[in-house]
Amino acid sequence: MMKCLYLLSVVFHVAAGCSLSADNPIEITGYKGGSVLFPCSCSDLNTKPQRFTWETFRTGPLTEVLNDEHYRGRLQLFNHSSPANLSLLISDLREEDYGTYRCSTEKEYRETRLYIKDCELVNKTVEEHVTGFIGESVVLPCVCTDLQDKPKFVKWQFIGINHVQEIYDKQTGRHTNGVKLVSNNAPGKLSLLISDLTEEDQGVYRCSVQDDSRDVRLSVKVGGRETSTYSRKTDTTPPSEPPQSTTTISPPASSSTTLEQDKQQTHSSLPLGRRCGEDVMTEGHQDCEGKSKDRPEPEIVTFCTK
């Protein structure tokens, strides 16, 4: 009897078919190069559909996904292990995968909207503070989590008190020709360089990519950036030269006191046995005949006193 009831129950479920759960449209966000799971299942896990398929409006008209060459090698189903689970996994996401996908059975369907993010910003929930100095340049940071992700578009805005002004990629106002991206050959680097800072540049700046954004607050100060420097003193003095002898000529004394001192110094410098008025050698000594032995003739100076 119990066996008969069980068979009747199975027949009833098969006849009733699969009723899909979650009748509301679903929105899912995936990232380029990542994977995404589209949920679709029977509300009663003991049932299964007679047939089901996945379709998409990706290229315009409704087309089948499971046999599309665009998804070749990137799809996975789970109904072989769980017949009521009709979910679809897509791997290695591409920008072209963006669109609406439909899970259909013989009775009904459920739709899922897929958004592809090619760049998820770092620290997007934190307002970063940056300080610059008047007349100098500053870099406002904005980076994708994967530096190889190239966003479809990037936009920088200046958030004023009563207005929002786009400064990249449309350069307007005082920022015309004064800003540029600093990519360093990495598609995911979206930082903004502002040159020749002024006080008016102070404020909040917003970096936006598709459905993601982050804010940077810029403070502009007067004066140069304080940096720790080490200076080495260079000796520019030319090599020293051998001292040269110099001759100092004193002007003649005009007073009698000076003249008297000169007389005394003269007499004291004369060799012994000589008197004032005689010829005196300035260097060397004479023999008894008044001639110098084995020496060049010195300069003769005659002193005369009254």
Protein backbone atom coordinates (compact mmCIF):
# COMPACT_ATOMS: atom_id res chain seq x y z
CA MET A 1 0.00 0.00 0.00
CA MET A 2 2.77 2.44 0.96
CA LYS A 3 4.60 1.57 -2.22
CA CYS A 4 1.55 2.41 -4.26
CA LEU A 5 1.15 5.76 -2.52
CA TYR A 6 4.76 6.61 -3.25
CA LEU A 7 4.34 5.78 -6.94
CA LEU A 8 1.22 7.92 -7.10
CA SER A 9 3.12 10.79 -5.49
CA VAL A 10 5.90 10.53 -8.05
CA VAL A 11 3.40 10.50 -10.91
CA PHE A 12 1.69 13.55 -9.46
CA HIS A 13 4.96 15.52 -9.20
CA VAL A 14 5.93 14.62 -12.73
CA ALA A 15 2.54 15.64 -14.00
CA ALA A 16 2.63 18.88 -12.05
CA GLY A 17 6.07 19.70 -13.43
CA CYS A 18 8.56 22.25 -12.05
CA SER A 19 7.36 25.53 -10.61
CA LEU A 20 10.23 28.00 -10.56
CA SER A 21 11.07 29.82 -7.35
CA ALA A 22 11.80 33.53 -6.94
CA ASP A 23 9.51 35.14 -9.45
CA ASN A 24 11.12 38.60 -9.12
CA PRO A 25 13.84 39.69 -11.59
CA ILE A 26 17.36 39.40 -10.19
CA GLU A 27 20.28 41.80 -10.74
CA ILE A 28 23.82 40.46 -10.45
CA THR A 29 27.15 42.25 -10.78
CA GLY A 30 30.21 40.39 -12.03
CA TYR A 31 33.79 41.43 -12.67
CA LYS A 32 35.75 40.99 -15.85
CA GLY A 33 37.72 37.76 -15.67
CA GLY A 34 35.64 36.45 -12.75
CA SER A 35 32.66 34.10 -12.48
CA VAL A 36 28.97 34.57 -11.79
CA LEU A 37 26.13 32.18 -10.87
CA PHE A 38 22.63 32.71 -12.28
CA PRO A 39 20.19 31.08 -9.81
CA CYS A 40 17.25 29.07 -11.13
CA SER A 41 15.56 26.11 -9.42
CA CYS A 42 12.27 24.35 -8.92
CA SER A 43 10.46 25.38 -5.78
CA ASP A 44 9.90 21.69 -5.07
CA LEU A 45 13.27 19.94 -5.15
CA ASN A 46 11.56 16.61 -5.82
CA THR A 47 10.37 17.80 -9.18
CA LYS A 48 12.17 18.49 -12.40
CA PRO A 49 11.16 20.15 -15.65
CA GLN A 50 10.47 18.13 -18.76
CA ARG A 51 12.75 20.57 -20.54
CA PHE A 52 14.56 23.82 -19.76
CA THR A 53 16.99 26.17 -21.42
CA TRP A 54 18.95 29.40 -20.89
CA GLU A 55 18.55 32.29 -23.30
CA THR A 56 19.85 35.86 -23.52
CA PHE A 57 19.09 39.23 -25.09
CA ARG A 58 22.81 40.06 -25.12
CA THR A 59 22.97 40.70 -28.87
CA GLY A 60 19.42 41.98 -29.26
CA PRO A 61 16.99 39.19 -30.17
CA LEU A 62 16.55 36.24 -27.78
CA THR A 63 19.24 33.62 -28.45
CA GLU A 64 20.16 30.34 -26.76
CA VAL A 65 23.15 30.39 -24.43
CA LEU A 66 24.06 26.72 -24.01
CA ASN A 67 25.04 26.21 -27.66
CA ASP A 68 26.47 29.67 -28.32
CA GLU A 69 30.14 29.68 -29.40
CA HIS A 70 30.60 32.92 -27.46
CA TYR A 71 30.31 30.94 -24.18
CA ARG A 72 32.21 27.87 -25.29
CA GLY A 73 34.17 26.34 -22.39
CA ARG A 74 32.79 28.88 -19.90
CA LEU A 75 29.42 27.35 -18.87
CA GLN A 76 28.47 24.86 -16.17
CA LEU A 77 25.10 23.30 -15.20
CA PHE A 78 24.20 21.45 -11.98
CA ASN A 79 21.03 19.55 -12.92
CA HIS A 80 22.94 16.29 -13.48
CA SER A 81 23.49 15.93 -9.71
CA SER A 82 20.36 17.80 -8.61
CA PRO A 83 17.57 17.72 -11.25
CA ALA A 84 15.67 20.60 -9.63
CA ASN A 85 18.73 22.87 -9.72
CA LEU A 86 18.73 24.66 -13.07
CA SER A 87 21.32 27.31 -12.15
CA LEU A 88 23.97 28.41 -14.65
CA LEU A 89 27.61 29.33 -13.89
CA ILE A 90 29.51 31.54 -16.35
CA SER A 91 33.29 31.80 -15.92
CA ASP A 92 35.94 34.14 -17.34
CA LEU A 93 33.49 37.01 -17.67
CA ARG A 94 33.86 39.46 -20.52
CA GLU A 95 32.43 42.88 -21.15
CA GLU A 96 30.27 41.39 -23.91
CA ASP A 97 28.51 39.12 -21.38
CA TYR A 98 26.58 42.11 -20.08
CA GLY A 99 22.79 41.78 -20.56
CA THR A 100 19.61 39.96 -19.53
CA TYR A 101 19.51 36.15 -19.19
CA ARG A 102 16.37 33.98 -19.04
CA CYS A 103 15.88 30.55 -17.45
CA SER A 104 12.89 28.91 -19.20
CA THR A 105 10.89 25.74 -18.60
CA GLU A 106 7.88 24.39 -20.44
CA LYS A 107 5.63 26.43 -18.14
CA GLU A 108 7.41 29.67 -17.17
CA TYR A 109 10.68 31.62 -17.00
CA ARG A 110 12.81 33.78 -14.68
CA GLU A 111 15.11 36.61 -15.76
CA THR A 112 18.45 37.77 -14.38
CA ARG A 113 20.17 41.04 -15.29
CA LEU A 114 23.97 40.86 -15.45
CA TYR A 115 26.22 43.90 -15.03
CA ILE A 116 29.91 43.62 -15.75
CA LYS A 117 32.32 45.71 -13.73
CA ASP A 118 35.71 45.95 -15.32
CA CYS A 119 37.21 47.88 -12.40
CA GLU A 120 36.51 47.72 -8.67
CA LEU A 121 38.12 50.70 -6.91
CA VAL A 122 40.42 50.33 -3.92
CA ASN A 123 39.26 51.98 -0.64
CA LYS A 124 36.07 53.19 -2.30
CA THR A 125 34.27 53.60 1.06
CA VAL A 126 37.03 55.76 2.60
CA GLU A 127 37.59 59.46 1.88
CA GLU A 128 41.34 59.85 1.49
CA HIS A 129 43.10 63.09 2.50
CA VAL A 130 45.93 64.53 0.38
CA THR A 131 47.99 67.68 0.98
CA GLY A 132 49.56 69.83 -1.75
CA PHE A 133 51.41 73.16 -1.87
CA ILE A 134 50.73 76.27 -3.89
CA GLY A 135 52.60 76.29 -7.19
CA GLU A 136 53.48 72.59 -6.99
CA SER A 137 51.85 69.40 -8.32
CA VAL A 138 49.87 66.70 -6.52
CA VAL A 139 48.56 63.21 -7.38
CA LEU A 140 45.04 62.21 -6.30
CA PRO A 141 45.00 58.39 -5.94
CA CYS A 142 42.42 56.16 -7.66
CA VAL A 143 43.28 52.52 -8.45
CA CYS A 144 41.43 49.38 -9.54
CA THR A 145 41.86 46.28 -7.38
CA ASP A 146 43.28 44.59 -10.46
CA LEU A 147 45.72 46.92 -12.22
CA GLN A 148 45.16 45.09 -15.51
CA ASP A 149 41.42 45.92 -15.51
CA LYS A 150 40.67 48.66 -17.96
CA PRO A 151 37.44 50.50 -17.16
CA LYS A 152 35.03 51.36 -19.92
CA PHE A 153 35.33 54.98 -18.86
CA VAL A 154 36.84 57.04 -16.04
CA LYS A 155 35.62 60.40 -14.82
CA TRP A 156 37.03 62.88 -12.28
CA GLN A 157 34.78 65.57 -10.79
CA PHE A 158 35.37 68.52 -8.48
CA ILE A 159 32.65 68.56 -5.83
CA GLY A 160 31.99 72.20 -4.98
CA ILE A 161 29.62 73.60 -2.36
CA ASN A 162 26.88 74.39 -4.83
CA HIS A 163 28.03 72.65 -8.00
CA VAL A 164 29.78 69.60 -9.45
CA GLN A 165 32.34 70.25 -12.17
CA GLU A 166 33.78 67.56 -14.45
CA ILE A 167 37.55 68.01 -14.84
CA TYR A 168 38.43 64.73 -16.60
CA ASP A 169 38.02 63.58 -19.26
CA LYS A 170 36.26 66.85 -20.07
CA GLN A 171 38.56 69.59 -18.81
CA THR A 172 36.69 72.76 -17.99
CA GLY A 173 37.23 75.96 -16.05
CA ARG A 174 40.54 76.52 -14.27
CA HIS A 175 41.49 72.86 -14.70
CA THR A 176 41.75 73.14 -18.49
CA ASN A 177 45.13 71.69 -19.57
CA GLY A 178 46.11 71.43 -15.91
CA VAL A 179 45.19 67.80 -15.17
CA LYS A 180 46.07 64.39 -16.60
CA LEU A 181 45.90 60.71 -15.65
CA VAL A 182 48.98 59.00 -14.23
CA SER A 183 48.64 55.48 -15.62
CA ASN A 184 52.29 54.30 -15.84
CA ASN A 185 51.20 51.77 -18.51
CA ALA A 186 48.81 50.05 -16.05
CA PRO A 187 45.15 50.24 -17.23
CA GLY A 188 43.88 50.04 -13.64
CA LYS A 189 45.78 53.13 -12.44
CA LEU A 190 43.39 56.06 -12.68
CA SER A 191 45.17 58.58 -10.41
CA LEU A 192 44.90 62.26 -11.37
CA LEU A 193 47.83 64.70 -11.57
CA ILE A 194 47.01 68.37 -10.90
CA SER A 195 49.75 70.87 -11.74
CA ASP A 196 50.43 74.45 -10.58
CA LEU A 197 48.17 74.27 -7.51
CA THR A 198 46.25 77.28 -6.26
CA GLU A 199 44.11 77.83 -3.18
CA GLU A 200 41.00 77.42 -5.35
CA ASP A 201 41.99 73.78 -6.05
CA GLN A 202 41.26 72.86 -2.44
CA GLY A 203 38.20 70.64 -1.98
CA VAL A 204 36.73 67.19 -2.66
CA TYR A 205 37.43 65.27 -5.88
CA ARG A 206 35.51 62.18 -7.06
CA CYS A 207 36.90 59.37 -9.23
CA SER A 208 34.13 57.39 -11.00
CA VAL A 209 34.17 54.22 -13.11
CA GLN A 210 30.86 52.83 -14.35
CA ASP A 211 28.94 52.04 -11.11
CA ASP A 212 31.84 52.64 -8.70
CA SER A 213 33.35 55.83 -7.22
CA ARG A 214 35.62 57.13 -4.46
CA ASP A 215 36.35 60.59 -2.97
CA VAL A 216 39.66 62.33 -2.27
CA ARG A 217 39.88 65.53 -0.17
CA LEU A 218 42.67 67.89 -1.23
CA SER A 219 44.17 70.49 1.13
CA VAL A 220 46.39 73.20 -0.38
CA LYS A 221 48.95 74.96 1.81
CA VAL A 222 51.34 77.87 1.36
CA GLY A 223 55.05 77.13 1.34
CA GLY A 224 57.24 74.35 0.07
CA ARG A 225 57.10 70.78 1.15
CA GLU A 226 59.17 70.09 4.25
CA THR A 227 61.77 67.48 3.45
CA SER A 228 64.79 66.17 5.28
CA THR A 229 67.92 67.08 3.33
CA TYR A 230 71.60 66.41 3.82
CA SER A 231 74.05 68.88 2.34
CA ARG A 232 77.73 68.16 1.91
CA LYS A 233 80.06 71.18 2.04
CA THR A 234 82.34 71.24 -0.97
CA ASP A 235 85.78 72.83 -0.55
CA THR A 236 86.26 75.09 -3.52
CA THR A 237 89.51 76.62 -2.25
CA PRO A 238 92.26 76.02 -4.81
CA PRO A 239 95.31 74.03 -3.68
CA SER A 240 97.65 76.06 -1.53
CA GLU A 241 100.78 77.41 -3.15
CA PRO A 242 104.19 77.73 -1.55
CA PRO A 243 104.47 80.97 0.42
CA GLN A 244 106.15 83.74 -1.44
CA SER A 245 108.44 86.26 0.19
CA THR A 246 107.19 89.77 0.24
CA THR A 247 109.09 92.98 0.78
CA THR A 248 107.56 95.73 2.81
CA ILE A 249 108.86 99.21 2.31
CA SER A 250 108.23 101.52 5.22
CA PRO A 251 107.84 105.21 4.54
CA PRO A 252 110.67 107.42 5.85
CA ALA A 253 110.26 108.71 9.40
CA SER A 254 109.65 112.37 9.70
CA SER A 255 110.20 112.97 13.39
CA SER A 256 113.47 113.37 15.19
CA THR A 257 112.58 110.65 17.67
CA THR A 258 112.28 108.09 14.92
CA LEU A 259 115.56 109.23 13.42
CA GLU A 260 117.31 108.80 16.76
CA GLN A 261 115.89 105.27 17.12
CA ASP A 262 117.22 104.44 13.67
CA LYS A 263 120.66 105.64 14.66
CA GLN A 264 120.70 103.45 17.73
CA GLN A 265 119.56 100.38 15.75
CA THR A 266 122.25 101.09 13.13
CA HIS A 267 125.07 101.31 15.65
CA SER A 268 123.93 98.16 17.41
CA SER A 269 123.88 96.21 14.15
CA LEU A 270 127.45 97.14 13.18
CA PRO A 271 130.12 94.46 13.64
CA LEU A 272 132.55 94.89 16.54
CA GLY A 273 135.61 97.07 15.77
CA ARG A 274 133.85 99.18 13.20
CA ARG A 275 132.83 102.74 13.48
CA CYS A 276 130.03 104.74 12.01
CA GLY A 277 130.86 105.96 8.58
CA GLU A 278 132.75 102.84 7.53
CA ASP A 279 131.60 100.48 4.86
CA VAL A 280 129.53 97.68 6.38
CA MET A 281 128.43 94.41 4.77
CA THR A 282 124.75 93.52 5.09
CA GLU A 283 125.54 89.82 5.16
CA GLY A 284 128.63 87.75 5.77
CA HIS A 285 131.77 88.99 7.52
CA GLN A 286 134.96 90.56 6.19
CA ASP A 287 138.45 89.45 6.88
CA CYS A 288 141.15 91.79 8.14
CA GLU A 289 141.61 93.31 4.70
CA GLY A 290 137.85 94.05 4.36
CA LYS A 291 137.13 91.26 1.88
CA SER A 292 134.81 88.30 2.24
CA LYS A 293 136.26 84.84 1.87
CA ASP A 294 134.62 82.29 -0.49
CA ARG A 295 131.35 84.15 -0.59
CA PRO A 296 129.69 86.27 -3.26
CA GLU A 297 130.14 89.93 -2.85
CA PRO A 298 127.37 91.31 -0.70
CA GLU A 299 125.52 94.51 -1.24
CA ILE A 300 127.36 97.41 0.40
CA VAL A 301 125.35 99.91 2.38
CA THR A 302 126.94 103.11 3.61
CA PHE A 303 125.56 104.77 6.70
CA CYS A 304 126.42 108.35 7.36
CA THR A 305 125.63 110.29 10.50
CA LYS A 306 126.29 113.83 11.49
